[in-house]
Amino acid sequence: MIGTEGLTEVTDEDFAEVVLGAELPVLVKFTADWCPPCRMIAPVLAAIAREESHRLRIVQLDVDTSPATAARYGVLSAPTLTVFRGGEPVWSVVGARPKRKLLAELAEVV
């Protein structure tokens, strides 16, 4: 399902299939409706998702409606951005950031 921010939404139920079973690396935005920084980074992630779709998939998971997955990966703040590769988390950061900085950070893990 495509969320309001243009990113595919995943839940506790389909996280393993969509994220852990993916061939490409997947950046998961752990988000919440009440989170202003989550809204700030949404257009940045939507742009990166379009531009980098050949090498990275970006999805979002609402921590309020899918708390089990957030707890499993120790997500305590939103937004938390975590890259999964081969079913394992390989990089994580908390908070919004400009597109250029995020792309530079992702270049090390994607």
C-alpha atoms as a PDB file:
ATOM      1  CA  MET A   1       0.000   0.000   0.000  1.00  0.00           C
ATOM      2  CA  ILE A   2       1.284   3.475  -0.849  1.00  0.00           C
ATOM      3  CA  GLY A   3       1.165   5.843   2.119  1.00  0.00           C
ATOM      4  CA  THR A   4       0.311   9.508   2.159  1.00  0.00           C
ATOM      5  CA  GLU A   5       3.980  10.415   1.756  1.00  0.00           C
ATOM      6  CA  GLY A   6       4.425   8.447  -1.473  1.00  0.00           C
ATOM      7  CA  LEU A   7       6.302   5.571   0.149  1.00  0.00           C
ATOM      8  CA  THR A   8       5.129   1.973   0.352  1.00  0.00           C
ATOM      9  CA  GLU A   9       3.782   1.233   3.801  1.00  0.00           C
ATOM     10  CA  VAL A  10       4.769  -1.986   5.554  1.00  0.00           C
ATOM     11  CA  THR A  11       3.305  -3.461   8.744  1.00  0.00           C
ATOM     12  CA  ASP A  12       4.217  -6.036  11.348  1.00  0.00           C
ATOM     13  CA  GLU A  13       2.435  -8.587   9.146  1.00  0.00           C
ATOM     14  CA  ASP A  14       4.347  -8.034   5.887  1.00  0.00           C
ATOM     15  CA  PHE A  15       7.688  -6.668   7.153  1.00  0.00           C
ATOM     16  CA  ALA A  16       9.545  -9.990   6.826  1.00  0.00           C
ATOM     17  CA  GLU A  17       8.342 -10.550   3.262  1.00  0.00           C
ATOM     18  CA  VAL A  18       8.796  -6.986   1.965  1.00  0.00           C
ATOM     19  CA  VAL A  19      11.946  -5.933   3.837  1.00  0.00           C
ATOM     20  CA  LEU A  20      13.849  -8.972   5.062  1.00  0.00           C
ATOM     21  CA  GLY A  21      13.188 -10.966   1.883  1.00  0.00           C
ATOM     22  CA  ALA A  22      14.039  -8.166  -0.555  1.00  0.00           C
ATOM     23  CA  GLU A  23      16.800  -8.549  -3.138  1.00  0.00           C
ATOM     24  CA  LEU A  24      17.726  -4.861  -3.046  1.00  0.00           C
ATOM     25  CA  PRO A  25      18.748  -3.042   0.137  1.00  0.00           C
ATOM     26  CA  VAL A  26      15.695  -1.527   1.839  1.00  0.00           C
ATOM     27  CA  LEU A  27      15.635   1.713   3.818  1.00  0.00           C
ATOM     28  CA  VAL A  28      12.868   1.582   6.399  1.00  0.00           C
ATOM     29  CA  LYS A  29      11.544   4.856   7.765  1.00  0.00           C
ATOM     30  CA  PHE A  30      10.116   4.112  11.202  1.00  0.00           C
ATOM     31  CA  THR A  31       7.568   6.919  11.465  1.00  0.00           C
ATOM     32  CA  ALA A  32       4.476   8.216  13.280  1.00  0.00           C
ATOM     33  CA  ASP A  33       1.627  10.542  12.334  1.00  0.00           C
ATOM     34  CA  TRP A  34       2.370  12.847  15.279  1.00  0.00           C
ATOM     35  CA  CYS A  35       6.056  13.330  14.336  1.00  0.00           C
ATOM     36  CA  PRO A  36       6.998  16.703  12.701  1.00  0.00           C
ATOM     37  CA  PRO A  37      10.543  15.588  11.679  1.00  0.00           C
ATOM     38  CA  CYS A  38       8.945  12.550  10.001  1.00  0.00           C
ATOM     39  CA  ARG A  39       6.893  14.903   7.842  1.00  0.00           C
ATOM     40  CA  MET A  40       9.980  17.045   7.131  1.00  0.00           C
ATOM     41  CA  ILE A  41      11.994  14.122   5.735  1.00  0.00           C
ATOM     42  CA  ALA A  42       9.097  12.624   3.750  1.00  0.00           C
ATOM     43  CA  PRO A  43       9.735  14.596   0.516  1.00  0.00           C
ATOM     44  CA  VAL A  44      13.463  13.859   0.753  1.00  0.00           C
ATOM     45  CA  LEU A  45      12.816  10.123   0.997  1.00  0.00           C
ATOM     46  CA  ALA A  46      10.205  10.231  -1.772  1.00  0.00           C
ATOM     47  CA  ALA A  47      12.730  11.916  -4.094  1.00  0.00           C
ATOM     48  CA  ILE A  48      15.481   9.436  -3.204  1.00  0.00           C
ATOM     49  CA  ALA A  49      13.048   6.538  -3.697  1.00  0.00           C
ATOM     50  CA  ARG A  50      12.346   7.749  -7.254  1.00  0.00           C
ATOM     51  CA  GLU A  51      15.967   8.544  -8.120  1.00  0.00           C
ATOM     52  CA  GLU A  52      17.601   5.462  -6.585  1.00  0.00           C
ATOM     53  CA  SER A  53      14.937   2.817  -7.303  1.00  0.00           C
ATOM     54  CA  HIS A  54      17.461   0.763  -9.289  1.00  0.00           C
ATOM     55  CA  ARG A  55      19.605   0.172  -6.177  1.00  0.00           C
ATOM     56  CA  LEU A  56      17.490   0.952  -3.103  1.00  0.00           C
ATOM     57  CA  ARG A  57      13.897   0.483  -2.006  1.00  0.00           C
ATOM     58  CA  ILE A  58      12.404   2.835   0.588  1.00  0.00           C
ATOM     59  CA  VAL A  59       9.390   1.908   2.716  1.00  0.00           C
ATOM     60  CA  GLN A  60       7.818   3.244   5.878  1.00  0.00           C
ATOM     61  CA  LEU A  61       6.450   1.566   8.980  1.00  0.00           C
ATOM     62  CA  ASP A  62       4.152   3.362  11.439  1.00  0.00           C
ATOM     63  CA  VAL A  63       5.469   2.643  14.930  1.00  0.00           C
ATOM     64  CA  ASP A  64       2.019   3.173  16.477  1.00  0.00           C
ATOM     65  CA  THR A  65       0.189   0.671  14.273  1.00  0.00           C
ATOM     66  CA  SER A  66       3.101  -1.810  13.984  1.00  0.00           C
ATOM     67  CA  PRO A  67       4.826  -1.669  17.373  1.00  0.00           C
ATOM     68  CA  ALA A  68       6.205  -5.227  17.335  1.00  0.00           C
ATOM     69  CA  THR A  69       8.622  -4.581  14.468  1.00  0.00           C
ATOM     70  CA  ALA A  70       9.710  -1.249  15.946  1.00  0.00           C
ATOM     71  CA  ALA A  71      10.400  -2.950  19.279  1.00  0.00           C
ATOM     72  CA  ARG A  72      12.253  -5.839  17.606  1.00  0.00           C
ATOM     73  CA  TYR A  73      14.755  -3.397  16.132  1.00  0.00           C
ATOM     74  CA  GLY A  74      15.032  -1.132  19.181  1.00  0.00           C
ATOM     75  CA  VAL A  75      13.355   1.885  17.615  1.00  0.00           C
ATOM     76  CA  LEU A  76      12.865   4.465  20.361  1.00  0.00           C
ATOM     77  CA  SER A  77      12.579   7.703  18.341  1.00  0.00           C
ATOM     78  CA  ALA A  78      10.950   8.797  15.114  1.00  0.00           C
ATOM     79  CA  PRO A  79      12.017   9.085  12.463  1.00  0.00           C
ATOM     80  CA  THR A  80      14.518   6.261  12.645  1.00  0.00           C
ATOM     81  CA  LEU A  81      15.972   5.316   9.271  1.00  0.00           C
ATOM     82  CA  THR A  82      17.393   1.806   9.031  1.00  0.00           C
ATOM     83  CA  VAL A  83      18.892   0.098   5.983  1.00  0.00           C
ATOM     84  CA  PHE A  84      18.362  -3.663   5.745  1.00  0.00           C
ATOM     85  CA  ARG A  85      20.516  -5.741   3.414  1.00  0.00           C
ATOM     86  CA  GLY A  86      20.237  -9.513   3.171  1.00  0.00           C
ATOM     87  CA  GLY A  87      17.614  -9.520   5.910  1.00  0.00           C
ATOM     88  CA  GLU A  88      19.847  -7.768   8.453  1.00  0.00           C
ATOM     89  CA  PRO A  89      20.013  -4.143   9.628  1.00  0.00           C
ATOM     90  CA  VAL A  90      23.334  -2.675   8.414  1.00  0.00           C
ATOM     91  CA  TRP A  91      22.920   1.054   9.158  1.00  0.00           C
ATOM     92  CA  SER A  92      20.638   3.214  11.261  1.00  0.00           C
ATOM     93  CA  VAL A  93      20.237   6.886  12.099  1.00  0.00           C
ATOM     94  CA  VAL A  94      17.671   8.937  14.019  1.00  0.00           C
ATOM     95  CA  GLY A  95      16.226  12.233  12.835  1.00  0.00           C
ATOM     96  CA  ALA A  96      15.597  14.208   9.677  1.00  0.00           C
ATOM     97  CA  ARG A  97      18.461  15.392   7.494  1.00  0.00           C
ATOM     98  CA  PRO A  98      18.968  17.163   4.181  1.00  0.00           C
ATOM     99  CA  LYS A  99      18.951  15.092   1.005  1.00  0.00           C
ATOM    100  CA  ARG A 100      22.642  15.672   0.228  1.00  0.00           C
ATOM    101  CA  LYS A 101      23.728  14.512   3.702  1.00  0.00           C
ATOM    102  CA  LEU A 102      21.456  11.470   3.627  1.00  0.00           C
ATOM    103  CA  LEU A 103      22.712  10.433   0.180  1.00  0.00           C
ATOM    104  CA  ALA A 104      26.311  10.727   1.398  1.00  0.00           C
ATOM    105  CA  GLU A 105      25.544   8.556   4.419  1.00  0.00           C
ATOM    106  CA  LEU A 106      23.689   5.988   2.309  1.00  0.00           C
ATOM    107  CA  ALA A 107      26.564   5.773  -0.179  1.00  0.00           C
ATOM    108  CA  GLU A 108      28.571   3.932   2.465  1.00  0.00           C
ATOM    109  CA  VAL A 109      26.012   1.141   2.873  1.00  0.00           C
ATOM    110  CA  VAL A 110      24.122   0.825  -0.421  1.00  0.00           C
END
